[in-house]
Amino acid sequence: MISQKRYWFLMLLIVLVFIAGMFVTLFENDSAQFAVMAMRMVQENDFLNLFKGPQEYLDKPHMHYWLAAFSYKIFGIHDWAYRIPGILAGLLAAYSCYGLGSLLYNRSVGKLAALVFLTSQTIVLAQIDVRTDSVLTGFTAFAIWQLVAYIQRGHWFHIVLGALGAGLAFSTKGQIALLVMGFPILFYLWYTKKWHRLFHWKSILALLVFGLAISPMLYAYYHQFDLHPEKVIRGRDHRSGIFFIFWEQSFERLSGQGMGKNSSDYFFFFHTFLWVFLPWTIMGVLGLFSGWKKFFAYKGKFNPGYEWLTLGGIAAIFLVISFAQFKLPHYLNITIPLFAVLTAAYVYHLYIDSRELFLKRLLGVQYGILGVVFIATVLFCFLVFRAESIWILLWLGVLIALAVFFILRREGAYHKIITLTVLTSVILNFTMNLVFYPALLKYQAGSTMAEKVAEKQIPVDKIYKLDGGSHTWGLDFYNKKPVKITDIKKVVSLHDVWVYATDAELQAMKKAGMDWDEQITVDQFRITRLQAKFLRPSTRKSVLNKRHLVHIY
């Protein structure tokens, strides 16, 4: 393993990248939406009922929103305050990777697993674009680590901590948390033959702790839905929140009934993995192939030098989520702790087996990835957008010089691979957080319009949008007040109000005979769906839409 000083220096750089991302404008839709939902909890002093805009929210459980609301209570309603629980959960997951890697292999593998996890692209993005999966990943990784510790050692406090982690994970996203934890643990029990750990009085204690951990969420669901069978949710009344979270939720997502369908591609997560695990992708794929080769060679039997928990867990989770009709890249986040341990163990075994020639070839591949990142950095800073601060460019120069220093430094390929792969992630995401995202988010109309509202001191309680229009999460959050909803017939009778509208809605208002004496217009682009025409400055205007805020006098 690399030296302690270098290890903690790289950790410091990673944390600085996270801190730089804390102050980026919230992304629409999910991050800004969840931030608004938590904001309403605090403003309305209602921590039991979940609402998505005007609609009752029966989808994800409460834990993520409670944690964000708790952060607001301490620090105030800010975008960086919303991100704090997600970042802390990410650090918990990294520490859990260290613990799990140390249990299954040794401390060197554990330390490397923590680095791999924190620098995987989807995890870095999850600290900026914070969704429920950010918190879910932290709790599930912690639960798996503690449950494996219990199976190995039998101490009661490990199973209690594991059950607590499982309960918090279940309270964050429901049944998927139990699947993510259950598959690896069952696989571990199968090949270690320690089934007796399950059939013990301590398992009853764990069930009690799990029940206590999920009871606040169950009560909130009972209060909002079970006590009100008259409520109509997605076209149905008599919806039980408790029955939903224990039975209906995952089936709705797998079938696409609840969220709709966005992909029937059964290989979606396989090709998505190629970018979400960057810059460790090649090592991750090689680690998978090597692991399965050894698995079949040992016929799945226990071997002190290897483990099948990560392999079995990854395979089972991929199989289940690949059949879901609604898929998003961040669904893979929950597998990254397993991939991190697997990849760290693979690279470490190359080192202790003295596979120096292979490590040098692998280092060559990582040089190539670093080269691509360097080119992307130059494009982001000077072509796609312009870096506005000379200090940012100076810091980027320092990081690139640091990478060059370690390239030229005379040391083994193993140490270079770890150092340069981490620096690859740091350089890329430093650029993204301080140059790319701030420039990109100027084209997110809701948050940009909120800046105009603040500049002109427009009363936020006088802003409306038309019923049936798109969501306005960015505007809602940065105004610190959800936009009121109305329709054209009602707007006609209103005076001294502001209406937030699309081009089409503006034309409809004109046809209805409405007039206004002031208009503010900003650019709009769906920033989470980038395309080449947008990234190219010469064609960017051709794919931009507009959003307008007009004053009805």
Protein backbone atom coordinates (compact mmCIF):
# COMPACT_ATOMS: atom_id res chain seq x y z
CA MET A 1 0.00 0.00 0.00
CA ILE A 2 1.10 3.60 -0.48
CA SER A 3 2.56 5.47 2.50
CA GLN A 4 0.31 6.87 5.22
CA LYS A 5 1.26 10.46 4.34
CA ARG A 6 0.37 9.99 0.68
CA TYR A 7 -2.83 8.14 1.56
CA TRP A 8 -4.13 10.93 3.78
CA PHE A 9 -2.97 13.57 1.32
CA LEU A 10 -5.08 11.91 -1.37
CA MET A 11 -8.00 11.69 1.08
CA LEU A 12 -7.64 15.41 1.75
CA LEU A 13 -7.82 16.17 -1.99
CA ILE A 14 -10.98 14.05 -2.28
CA VAL A 15 -12.64 15.87 0.63
CA LEU A 16 -11.72 19.22 -0.93
CA VAL A 17 -13.44 18.12 -4.15
CA PHE A 18 -16.57 17.28 -2.13
CA ILE A 19 -16.45 20.64 -0.35
CA ALA A 20 -16.12 22.45 -3.70
CA GLY A 21 -19.24 20.63 -4.90
CA MET A 22 -21.27 21.55 -1.80
CA PHE A 23 -21.84 25.08 -3.05
CA VAL A 24 -22.93 24.22 -6.60
CA THR A 25 -26.54 25.11 -7.47
CA LEU A 26 -28.96 22.20 -6.95
CA PHE A 27 -29.73 20.09 -10.01
CA GLU A 28 -33.25 19.63 -11.30
CA ASN A 29 -35.17 17.44 -11.12
CA ASP A 30 -34.45 15.07 -8.23
CA SER A 31 -31.99 16.98 -6.02
CA ALA A 32 -33.96 20.22 -6.13
CA GLN A 33 -37.26 18.34 -5.75
CA PHE A 34 -36.10 16.44 -2.66
CA ALA A 35 -34.62 19.64 -1.22
CA VAL A 36 -38.00 21.36 -1.62
CA MET A 37 -39.84 18.43 -0.02
CA ALA A 38 -37.55 18.62 3.03
CA MET A 39 -37.85 22.42 3.06
CA ARG A 40 -41.63 22.16 3.33
CA MET A 41 -41.27 19.86 6.33
CA VAL A 42 -39.33 22.56 8.17
CA GLN A 43 -41.42 25.53 7.04
CA GLU A 44 -44.75 23.84 7.76
CA ASN A 45 -43.46 22.01 10.85
CA ASP A 46 -44.93 18.80 9.43
CA PHE A 47 -42.54 15.86 9.49
CA LEU A 48 -45.12 13.12 8.94
CA ASN A 49 -46.67 14.04 5.59
CA LEU A 50 -44.68 13.93 2.37
CA PHE A 51 -45.74 16.05 -0.62
CA LYS A 52 -44.35 16.38 -4.12
CA GLY A 53 -45.74 19.76 -5.08
CA PRO A 54 -49.49 19.63 -4.44
CA GLN A 55 -49.61 15.82 -4.60
CA GLU A 56 -49.40 13.29 -1.79
CA TYR A 57 -46.08 11.44 -2.15
CA LEU A 58 -46.22 7.65 -1.94
CA ASP A 59 -42.93 6.44 -3.34
CA LYS A 60 -39.70 6.72 -1.35
CA PRO A 61 -39.78 6.59 2.48
CA HIS A 62 -38.98 9.48 4.77
CA MET A 63 -35.40 9.09 6.05
CA HIS A 64 -33.62 11.12 3.36
CA TYR A 65 -36.07 14.00 3.79
CA TRP A 66 -35.84 13.86 7.58
CA LEU A 67 -32.05 14.05 7.47
CA ALA A 68 -32.15 17.02 5.07
CA ALA A 69 -34.76 18.74 7.24
CA PHE A 70 -32.62 18.13 10.32
CA SER A 71 -29.67 19.73 8.54
CA TYR A 72 -31.86 22.73 7.63
CA LYS A 73 -32.84 23.05 11.28
CA ILE A 74 -29.18 23.30 12.28
CA PHE A 75 -27.70 25.30 9.40
CA GLY A 76 -30.66 26.99 7.73
CA ILE A 77 -32.23 26.32 4.33
CA HIS A 78 -29.25 26.30 1.95
CA ASP A 79 -28.18 24.05 -0.91
CA TRP A 80 -24.98 23.13 0.95
CA ALA A 81 -26.99 22.23 4.06
CA TYR A 82 -29.14 19.87 1.96
CA ARG A 83 -25.98 18.09 0.80
CA ILE A 84 -24.41 17.53 4.23
CA PRO A 85 -26.29 14.27 5.11
CA GLY A 86 -25.43 12.82 1.69
CA ILE A 87 -21.74 13.64 2.08
CA LEU A 88 -21.64 12.21 5.60
CA ALA A 89 -23.36 9.06 4.30
CA GLY A 90 -20.72 8.83 1.56
CA LEU A 91 -17.95 9.02 4.16
CA LEU A 92 -19.75 6.37 6.24
CA ALA A 93 -19.86 4.12 3.17
CA ALA A 94 -16.14 4.68 2.55
CA TYR A 95 -15.32 3.76 6.15
CA SER A 96 -17.55 0.70 5.78
CA CYS A 97 -15.62 -0.29 2.64
CA TYR A 98 -12.47 -0.06 4.73
CA GLY A 99 -14.04 -2.21 7.44
CA LEU A 100 -15.45 -4.80 5.01
CA GLY A 101 -12.22 -5.01 2.99
CA SER A 102 -10.25 -5.45 6.21
CA LEU A 103 -12.54 -8.25 7.37
CA LEU A 104 -12.57 -10.13 4.08
CA TYR A 105 -8.88 -9.57 3.24
CA ASN A 106 -6.64 -7.20 5.21
CA ARG A 107 -6.23 -3.53 6.13
CA SER A 108 -4.32 -2.71 2.92
CA VAL A 109 -7.26 -3.90 0.82
CA GLY A 110 -9.66 -2.03 3.11
CA LYS A 111 -7.77 1.25 2.80
CA LEU A 112 -7.59 0.93 -0.97
CA ALA A 113 -11.32 0.03 -1.15
CA ALA A 114 -12.17 3.31 0.62
CA LEU A 115 -10.13 5.25 -1.97
CA VAL A 116 -11.74 3.37 -4.86
CA PHE A 117 -15.22 4.04 -3.51
CA LEU A 118 -14.73 7.76 -2.90
CA THR A 119 -13.21 8.39 -6.35
CA SER A 120 -15.69 6.38 -8.42
CA GLN A 121 -17.41 8.87 -10.71
CA THR A 122 -20.96 8.05 -9.70
CA ILE A 123 -20.09 8.46 -6.01
CA VAL A 124 -18.42 11.84 -6.55
CA LEU A 125 -21.47 12.94 -8.55
CA ALA A 126 -23.73 11.65 -5.77
CA GLN A 127 -22.16 14.13 -3.33
CA ILE A 128 -23.24 17.01 -5.60
CA ASP A 129 -26.45 15.66 -7.14
CA VAL A 130 -27.71 14.26 -3.84
CA ARG A 131 -30.59 11.80 -4.11
CA THR A 132 -31.93 9.10 -1.82
CA ASP A 133 -29.30 6.67 -3.17
CA SER A 134 -26.55 8.75 -1.56
CA VAL A 135 -27.91 8.07 1.93
CA LEU A 136 -29.02 4.53 1.03
CA THR A 137 -25.49 3.57 -0.04
CA GLY A 138 -24.02 4.72 3.27
CA PHE A 139 -26.47 2.77 5.42
CA THR A 140 -26.38 -0.42 3.31
CA ALA A 141 -22.57 -0.51 3.19
CA PHE A 142 -22.46 -0.04 6.97
CA ALA A 143 -25.05 -2.79 7.52
CA ILE A 144 -23.20 -5.29 5.29
CA TRP A 145 -19.91 -4.59 7.10
CA GLN A 146 -21.42 -5.05 10.55
CA LEU A 147 -23.38 -8.18 9.62
CA VAL A 148 -20.24 -9.79 8.15
CA ALA A 149 -18.41 -8.87 11.35
CA TYR A 150 -21.16 -10.62 13.34
CA ILE A 151 -20.96 -13.75 11.18
CA GLN A 152 -17.19 -13.85 11.65
CA ARG A 153 -17.03 -13.00 15.37
CA GLY A 154 -20.46 -13.60 16.83
CA HIS A 155 -20.50 -10.47 18.99
CA TRP A 156 -24.01 -9.14 19.70
CA PHE A 157 -23.15 -5.48 19.12
CA HIS A 158 -22.21 -6.18 15.49
CA ILE A 159 -25.62 -7.64 14.68
CA VAL A 160 -27.32 -4.78 16.56
CA LEU A 161 -25.39 -2.19 14.51
CA GLY A 162 -26.08 -4.19 11.35
CA ALA A 163 -29.81 -4.26 12.11
CA LEU A 164 -29.78 -0.52 12.85
CA GLY A 165 -28.07 0.16 9.52
CA ALA A 166 -30.57 -2.10 7.75
CA GLY A 167 -33.50 -0.30 9.37
CA LEU A 168 -32.19 3.12 8.39
CA ALA A 169 -31.56 1.88 4.83
CA PHE A 170 -35.09 0.45 4.61
CA SER A 171 -36.45 3.77 5.89
CA THR A 172 -34.56 5.49 3.06
CA LYS A 173 -35.67 3.54 -0.01
CA GLY A 174 -37.65 0.50 1.01
CA GLN A 175 -37.27 -3.09 -0.09
CA ILE A 176 -34.31 -2.58 -2.41
CA ALA A 177 -32.18 -1.94 0.70
CA LEU A 178 -32.95 -5.44 2.03
CA LEU A 179 -32.12 -7.00 -1.34
CA VAL A 180 -28.80 -5.16 -1.58
CA MET A 181 -27.84 -6.31 1.92
CA GLY A 182 -29.48 -9.73 1.78
CA PHE A 183 -27.81 -11.11 -1.35
CA PRO A 184 -24.18 -10.55 -0.25
CA ILE A 185 -24.89 -11.78 3.29
CA LEU A 186 -26.66 -14.94 2.08
CA PHE A 187 -23.79 -15.61 -0.31
CA TYR A 188 -21.31 -15.13 2.54
CA LEU A 189 -23.24 -17.53 4.79
CA TRP A 190 -23.41 -20.08 1.98
CA TYR A 191 -19.69 -20.35 1.34
CA THR A 192 -18.55 -19.95 4.98
CA LYS A 193 -21.16 -22.49 6.16
CA LYS A 194 -21.93 -20.37 9.24
CA TRP A 195 -25.68 -20.73 9.06
CA HIS A 196 -25.78 -21.25 12.82
CA ARG A 197 -25.29 -17.49 13.22
CA LEU A 198 -28.80 -16.99 11.84
CA PHE A 199 -30.45 -19.45 14.19
CA HIS A 200 -29.47 -17.74 17.41
CA TRP A 201 -31.24 -15.59 19.99
CA LYS A 202 -29.15 -12.63 18.79
CA SER A 203 -31.11 -12.72 15.51
CA ILE A 204 -34.29 -12.03 17.49
CA LEU A 205 -32.53 -9.04 19.07
CA ALA A 206 -31.61 -7.85 15.58
CA LEU A 207 -35.22 -8.09 14.41
CA LEU A 208 -36.33 -6.01 17.39
CA VAL A 209 -33.72 -3.34 16.61
CA PHE A 210 -34.74 -3.37 12.94
CA GLY A 211 -38.39 -2.96 13.93
CA LEU A 212 -37.59 -0.04 16.21
CA ALA A 213 -35.48 1.60 13.50
CA ILE A 214 -38.27 1.51 10.90
CA SER A 215 -41.12 2.36 13.31
CA PRO A 216 -40.95 6.18 12.81
CA MET A 217 -41.25 5.72 9.05
CA LEU A 218 -44.10 3.22 9.42
CA TYR A 219 -45.98 5.57 11.74
CA ALA A 220 -45.57 8.43 9.26
CA TYR A 221 -46.98 6.26 6.46
CA TYR A 222 -49.83 5.12 8.70
CA HIS A 223 -50.64 8.71 9.66
CA GLN A 224 -50.61 10.00 6.09
CA PHE A 225 -52.31 7.15 4.22
CA ASP A 226 -53.74 4.32 6.36
CA LEU A 227 -55.77 6.77 8.46
CA HIS A 228 -57.12 8.37 5.26
CA PRO A 229 -58.45 5.67 2.91
CA GLU A 230 -60.35 8.34 0.95
CA LYS A 231 -57.11 9.70 -0.52
CA VAL A 232 -56.60 8.87 -4.20
CA ILE A 233 -53.00 8.03 -5.09
CA ARG A 234 -52.15 7.28 -8.73
CA GLY A 235 -55.80 6.63 -9.52
CA ARG A 236 -56.57 4.42 -6.52
CA ASP A 237 -58.08 5.03 -3.11
CA HIS A 238 -57.71 2.95 0.05
CA ARG A 239 -53.93 2.97 -0.27
CA SER A 240 -52.11 1.62 2.77
CA GLY A 241 -48.70 3.20 3.24
CA ILE A 242 -47.52 0.26 5.35
CA PHE A 243 -48.66 -2.30 2.78
CA PHE A 244 -47.05 -0.21 0.04
CA ILE A 245 -43.60 -0.11 1.63
CA PHE A 246 -43.61 -3.79 2.58
CA TRP A 247 -45.07 -5.17 -0.65
CA GLU A 248 -46.13 -2.87 -3.48
CA GLN A 249 -43.18 -0.49 -3.85
CA SER A 250 -40.59 -2.69 -5.55
CA PHE A 251 -43.16 -4.46 -7.71
CA GLU A 252 -44.38 -1.10 -9.02
CA ARG A 253 -40.80 -0.13 -9.90
CA LEU A 254 -39.98 -3.48 -11.51
CA SER A 255 -43.15 -3.41 -13.61
CA GLY A 256 -43.02 0.33 -14.30
CA GLN A 257 -46.56 0.84 -12.97
CA GLY A 258 -45.65 3.47 -10.38
CA MET A 259 -42.93 5.49 -12.12
CA GLY A 260 -43.65 4.54 -15.71
CA LYS A 261 -41.21 2.83 -18.09
CA ASN A 262 -38.04 4.41 -19.41
CA SER A 263 -35.95 1.43 -20.52
CA SER A 264 -36.52 -2.20 -21.45
CA ASP A 265 -32.80 -2.63 -22.18
CA TYR A 266 -31.70 -5.56 -20.03
CA PHE A 267 -28.05 -4.57 -20.52
CA PHE A 268 -28.58 -0.95 -19.44
CA PHE A 269 -26.60 -1.31 -16.21
CA PHE A 270 -23.80 -3.26 -17.87
CA HIS A 271 -22.85 -0.47 -20.26
CA THR A 272 -23.73 2.21 -17.68
CA PHE A 273 -21.17 0.65 -15.34
CA LEU A 274 -18.42 1.56 -17.81
CA TRP A 275 -18.70 5.25 -16.90
CA VAL A 276 -20.09 5.20 -13.35
CA PHE A 277 -17.01 3.33 -12.06
CA LEU A 278 -14.46 5.53 -13.83
CA PRO A 279 -11.50 5.84 -13.45
CA TRP A 280 -11.40 2.30 -11.99
CA THR A 281 -13.54 0.64 -14.68
CA ILE A 282 -10.86 -1.50 -16.35
CA MET A 283 -9.62 -2.79 -13.00
CA GLY A 284 -13.20 -3.44 -11.90
CA VAL A 285 -14.01 -5.48 -15.00
CA LEU A 286 -10.73 -7.42 -14.74
CA GLY A 287 -11.44 -8.03 -11.07
CA LEU A 288 -14.86 -9.48 -11.92
CA PHE A 289 -13.43 -11.86 -14.53
CA SER A 290 -10.60 -12.89 -12.22
CA GLY A 291 -13.02 -13.44 -9.36
CA TRP A 292 -15.37 -15.63 -11.34
CA LYS A 293 -12.42 -17.61 -12.73
CA LYS A 294 -11.25 -18.36 -9.18
CA PHE A 295 -14.80 -19.06 -8.06
CA PHE A 296 -15.22 -21.83 -10.61
CA ALA A 297 -11.70 -23.09 -9.97
CA TYR A 298 -12.48 -23.49 -6.24
CA LYS A 299 -16.04 -24.63 -7.06
CA GLY A 300 -17.42 -21.94 -4.77
CA LYS A 301 -15.86 -23.49 -1.68
CA PHE A 302 -14.42 -21.40 1.13
CA ASN A 303 -10.82 -20.36 0.64
CA PRO A 304 -8.99 -18.19 3.21
CA GLY A 305 -7.39 -16.05 0.49
CA TYR A 306 -10.59 -15.16 -1.39
CA GLU A 307 -14.22 -14.29 -0.83
CA TRP A 308 -17.34 -14.66 -2.92
CA LEU A 309 -19.52 -12.15 -1.07
CA THR A 310 -18.83 -9.32 -3.51
CA LEU A 311 -19.14 -11.52 -6.62
CA GLY A 312 -22.41 -13.10 -5.53
CA GLY A 313 -23.85 -9.82 -4.30
CA ILE A 314 -23.01 -7.96 -7.51
CA ALA A 315 -24.39 -10.72 -9.75
CA ALA A 316 -27.67 -11.04 -7.84
CA ILE A 317 -28.25 -7.28 -7.61
CA PHE A 318 -27.51 -6.80 -11.33
CA LEU A 319 -29.91 -9.60 -12.19
CA VAL A 320 -32.78 -8.05 -10.23
CA ILE A 321 -32.36 -4.40 -11.23
CA SER A 322 -31.78 -5.28 -14.90
CA PHE A 323 -35.37 -6.53 -15.13
CA ALA A 324 -36.80 -3.28 -13.78
CA GLN A 325 -38.71 -1.29 -16.40
CA PHE A 326 -37.61 2.01 -14.87
CA LYS A 327 -33.82 2.44 -14.81
CA LEU A 328 -31.48 5.29 -13.94
CA PRO A 329 -27.65 5.27 -13.73
CA HIS A 330 -27.55 6.15 -10.02
CA TYR A 331 -29.32 2.87 -9.19
CA LEU A 332 -25.83 1.34 -9.48
CA ASN A 333 -24.53 3.39 -6.54
CA ILE A 334 -25.60 0.72 -4.07
CA THR A 335 -23.27 -1.79 -5.78
CA ILE A 336 -20.18 0.45 -5.69
CA PRO A 337 -19.06 -0.57 -2.15
CA LEU A 338 -18.99 -4.18 -3.36
CA PHE A 339 -17.14 -3.22 -6.55
CA ALA A 340 -14.69 -1.14 -4.49
CA VAL A 341 -13.73 -4.08 -2.26
CA LEU A 342 -13.53 -6.47 -5.21
CA THR A 343 -11.35 -4.09 -7.25
CA ALA A 344 -9.07 -3.25 -4.34
CA ALA A 345 -8.52 -6.94 -3.62
CA TYR A 346 -7.77 -7.67 -7.27
CA VAL A 347 -5.16 -4.90 -7.61
CA TYR A 348 -3.60 -5.78 -4.24
CA HIS A 349 -3.25 -9.45 -5.22
CA LEU A 350 -1.51 -8.42 -8.44
CA TYR A 351 0.98 -6.58 -6.23
CA ILE A 352 1.64 -9.33 -3.68
CA ASP A 353 1.83 -11.93 -6.47
CA SER A 354 4.59 -9.79 -8.08
CA ARG A 355 2.68 -9.39 -11.37
CA GLU A 356 4.85 -6.38 -12.19
CA LEU A 357 4.65 -6.72 -15.99
CA PHE A 358 0.84 -6.89 -15.89
CA LEU A 359 0.74 -3.96 -13.46
CA LYS A 360 2.86 -1.91 -15.87
CA ARG A 361 0.40 -2.65 -18.67
CA LEU A 362 -2.45 -1.66 -16.39
CA LEU A 363 -0.58 1.52 -15.54
CA GLY A 364 -0.38 2.27 -19.26
CA VAL A 365 -4.17 2.03 -19.48
CA GLN A 366 -4.51 4.43 -16.54
CA TYR A 367 -2.11 6.84 -18.27
CA GLY A 368 -4.53 6.78 -21.20
CA ILE A 369 -7.53 7.55 -18.97
CA LEU A 370 -5.56 10.39 -17.33
CA GLY A 371 -4.75 11.74 -20.80
CA VAL A 372 -8.43 11.72 -21.77
CA VAL A 373 -9.30 13.54 -18.53
CA PHE A 374 -6.60 16.14 -19.23
CA ILE A 375 -8.07 16.79 -22.69
CA ALA A 376 -11.59 17.00 -21.21
CA THR A 377 -10.33 19.47 -18.60
CA VAL A 378 -8.86 21.73 -21.26
CA LEU A 379 -12.07 21.56 -23.32
CA PHE A 380 -14.29 22.31 -20.30
CA CYS A 381 -12.14 25.27 -19.21
CA PHE A 382 -11.45 26.90 -22.58
CA LEU A 383 -13.90 25.66 -25.23
CA VAL A 384 -17.21 24.37 -23.83
CA PHE A 385 -17.20 27.02 -21.10
CA ARG A 386 -14.69 29.57 -19.90
CA ALA A 387 -13.07 29.33 -16.47
CA GLU A 388 -13.87 32.68 -14.87
CA SER A 389 -11.25 32.63 -12.13
CA ILE A 390 -7.49 32.61 -12.59
CA TRP A 391 -7.21 30.97 -9.16
CA ILE A 392 -9.18 27.95 -10.35
CA LEU A 393 -6.83 27.57 -13.32
CA LEU A 394 -3.83 27.89 -11.01
CA TRP A 395 -5.14 25.14 -8.73
CA LEU A 396 -5.83 22.93 -11.74
CA GLY A 397 -2.28 23.59 -12.89
CA VAL A 398 -0.97 22.51 -9.48
CA LEU A 399 -2.98 19.26 -9.63
CA ILE A 400 -1.80 18.48 -13.15
CA ALA A 401 1.80 19.24 -12.13
CA LEU A 402 1.33 16.87 -9.20
CA ALA A 403 0.17 14.14 -11.58
CA VAL A 404 3.22 14.74 -13.80
CA PHE A 405 5.46 14.53 -10.73
CA PHE A 406 4.13 11.07 -9.84
CA ILE A 407 4.35 9.95 -13.48
CA LEU A 408 8.06 10.83 -13.51
CA ARG A 409 8.73 9.55 -9.98
CA ARG A 410 10.68 6.30 -9.84
CA GLU A 411 8.52 3.81 -7.95
CA GLY A 412 6.58 0.60 -8.53
CA ALA A 413 3.62 0.39 -10.92
CA TYR A 414 1.25 -0.56 -8.07
CA HIS A 415 1.89 2.67 -6.16
CA LYS A 416 1.63 4.74 -9.34
CA ILE A 417 -1.67 3.11 -10.31
CA ILE A 418 -3.28 4.02 -6.98
CA THR A 419 -1.91 7.56 -6.88
CA LEU A 420 -2.57 8.52 -10.49
CA THR A 421 -6.02 6.95 -10.62
CA VAL A 422 -7.09 8.96 -7.57
CA LEU A 423 -5.54 12.12 -9.08
CA THR A 424 -7.43 11.43 -12.32
CA SER A 425 -10.71 11.56 -10.42
CA VAL A 426 -9.63 14.63 -8.42
CA ILE A 427 -8.59 16.60 -11.53
CA LEU A 428 -11.77 15.73 -13.42
CA ASN A 429 -14.17 16.50 -10.59
CA PHE A 430 -12.34 19.61 -9.43
CA THR A 431 -12.93 20.89 -12.96
CA MET A 432 -16.55 19.76 -12.97
CA ASN A 433 -17.38 21.30 -9.58
CA LEU A 434 -15.64 24.64 -10.03
CA VAL A 435 -15.88 25.25 -13.79
CA PHE A 436 -18.31 22.98 -15.64
CA TYR A 437 -21.30 22.74 -13.28
CA PRO A 438 -21.42 26.45 -12.30
CA ALA A 439 -21.42 27.43 -16.00
CA LEU A 440 -23.88 24.67 -16.94
CA LEU A 441 -26.36 25.61 -14.23
CA LYS A 442 -26.73 29.11 -15.62
CA TYR A 443 -28.95 27.39 -18.20
CA GLN A 444 -31.25 25.92 -15.53
CA ALA A 445 -34.10 28.40 -15.69
CA GLY A 446 -35.65 27.86 -12.26
CA SER A 447 -32.55 28.64 -10.20
CA THR A 448 -31.46 31.40 -12.60
CA MET A 449 -34.88 33.04 -12.40
CA ALA A 450 -34.71 32.88 -8.61
CA GLU A 451 -31.59 35.05 -8.80
CA LYS A 452 -33.54 37.59 -10.89
CA VAL A 453 -36.37 37.52 -8.37
CA ALA A 454 -33.92 38.26 -5.55
CA GLU A 455 -32.19 41.04 -7.53
CA LYS A 456 -35.46 42.80 -8.34
CA GLN A 457 -36.93 42.08 -4.90
CA ILE A 458 -40.08 40.54 -6.37
CA PRO A 459 -42.42 39.27 -3.62
CA VAL A 460 -42.20 35.46 -3.81
CA ASP A 461 -45.77 35.07 -2.52
CA LYS A 462 -47.02 36.81 -5.67
CA ILE A 463 -45.44 34.34 -8.14
CA TYR A 464 -47.71 31.84 -9.90
CA LYS A 465 -47.36 29.17 -12.55
CA LEU A 466 -50.02 27.62 -14.76
CA ASP A 467 -51.57 24.30 -13.80
CA GLY A 468 -50.20 21.42 -15.89
CA GLY A 469 -46.89 23.16 -16.52
CA SER A 470 -43.47 21.73 -15.73
CA HIS A 471 -42.17 21.53 -12.18
CA THR A 472 -40.29 24.53 -10.80
CA TRP A 473 -38.11 22.92 -8.13
CA GLY A 474 -35.13 25.24 -8.57
CA LEU A 475 -37.33 28.33 -8.41
CA ASP A 476 -39.20 26.90 -5.41
CA PHE A 477 -36.06 26.15 -3.44
CA TYR A 478 -34.09 29.32 -4.06
CA ASN A 479 -37.19 31.47 -3.51
CA LYS A 480 -37.64 29.42 -0.31
CA LYS A 481 -41.32 29.18 -1.21
CA PRO A 482 -43.13 26.83 -3.61
CA VAL A 483 -44.65 28.64 -6.58
CA LYS A 484 -48.45 28.90 -6.41
CA ILE A 485 -50.42 27.05 -9.07
CA THR A 486 -53.31 28.55 -11.03
CA ASP A 487 -54.87 28.47 -14.51
CA ILE A 488 -55.43 31.04 -17.24
CA LYS A 489 -59.05 31.67 -16.25
CA LYS A 490 -58.04 32.59 -12.72
CA VAL A 491 -54.98 34.61 -13.80
CA VAL A 492 -57.26 36.91 -15.83
CA SER A 493 -58.93 38.04 -12.63
CA LEU A 494 -55.66 38.59 -10.74
CA HIS A 495 -53.78 41.86 -10.50
CA ASP A 496 -50.25 42.78 -9.44
CA VAL A 497 -48.98 39.20 -9.68
CA TRP A 498 -46.15 37.48 -11.53
CA VAL A 499 -46.60 34.42 -13.74
CA TYR A 500 -43.77 32.00 -14.56
CA ALA A 501 -44.38 30.54 -18.02
CA THR A 502 -42.95 28.66 -20.99
CA ASP A 503 -43.08 30.03 -24.56
CA ALA A 504 -46.25 28.03 -25.26
CA GLU A 505 -47.91 29.21 -22.06
CA LEU A 506 -47.01 32.81 -22.86
CA GLN A 507 -48.71 32.50 -26.25
CA ALA A 508 -51.80 30.97 -24.60
CA MET A 509 -51.94 33.91 -22.19
CA LYS A 510 -51.78 36.35 -25.13
CA LYS A 511 -54.63 34.54 -26.89
CA ALA A 512 -56.68 34.83 -23.71
CA GLY A 513 -56.34 38.60 -23.96
CA MET A 514 -53.91 39.00 -21.11
CA ASP A 515 -51.27 41.74 -21.03
CA TRP A 516 -48.25 42.51 -18.86
CA ASP A 517 -46.03 45.48 -18.26
CA GLU A 518 -42.78 43.73 -17.36
CA GLN A 519 -41.11 40.55 -18.58
CA ILE A 520 -37.96 38.73 -17.44
CA THR A 521 -36.63 35.99 -19.74
CA VAL A 522 -33.91 33.39 -19.02
CA ASP A 523 -32.48 30.43 -20.92
CA GLN A 524 -33.62 26.90 -20.14
CA PHE A 525 -31.97 23.56 -20.90
CA ARG A 526 -32.49 20.13 -19.31
CA ILE A 527 -28.99 20.02 -17.86
CA THR A 528 -29.11 16.33 -16.89
CA ARG A 529 -29.57 15.40 -20.56
CA LEU A 530 -26.53 16.88 -22.23
CA GLN A 531 -26.06 16.69 -25.99
CA ALA A 532 -23.32 17.64 -28.42
CA LYS A 533 -25.20 20.66 -29.82
CA PHE A 534 -25.41 22.16 -26.35
CA LEU A 535 -21.76 21.52 -25.51
CA ARG A 536 -20.66 23.17 -28.76
CA PRO A 537 -20.87 26.97 -28.18
CA SER A 538 -21.62 27.67 -31.86
CA THR A 539 -24.80 25.52 -31.81
CA ARG A 540 -25.86 25.97 -28.18
CA LYS A 541 -28.56 28.57 -28.89
CA SER A 542 -30.33 26.19 -31.27
CA VAL A 543 -31.24 23.79 -28.43
CA LEU A 544 -32.10 26.33 -25.74
CA ASN A 545 -35.63 27.05 -24.60
CA LYS A 546 -36.88 30.07 -22.67
CA ARG A 547 -38.70 30.65 -19.42
CA HIS A 548 -40.46 33.92 -18.68
CA LEU A 549 -41.63 35.76 -15.60
CA VAL A 550 -44.24 38.38 -16.49
CA HIS A 551 -45.94 40.97 -14.30
CA ILE A 552 -49.72 41.11 -14.63
CA TYR A 553 -50.66 44.65 -13.62
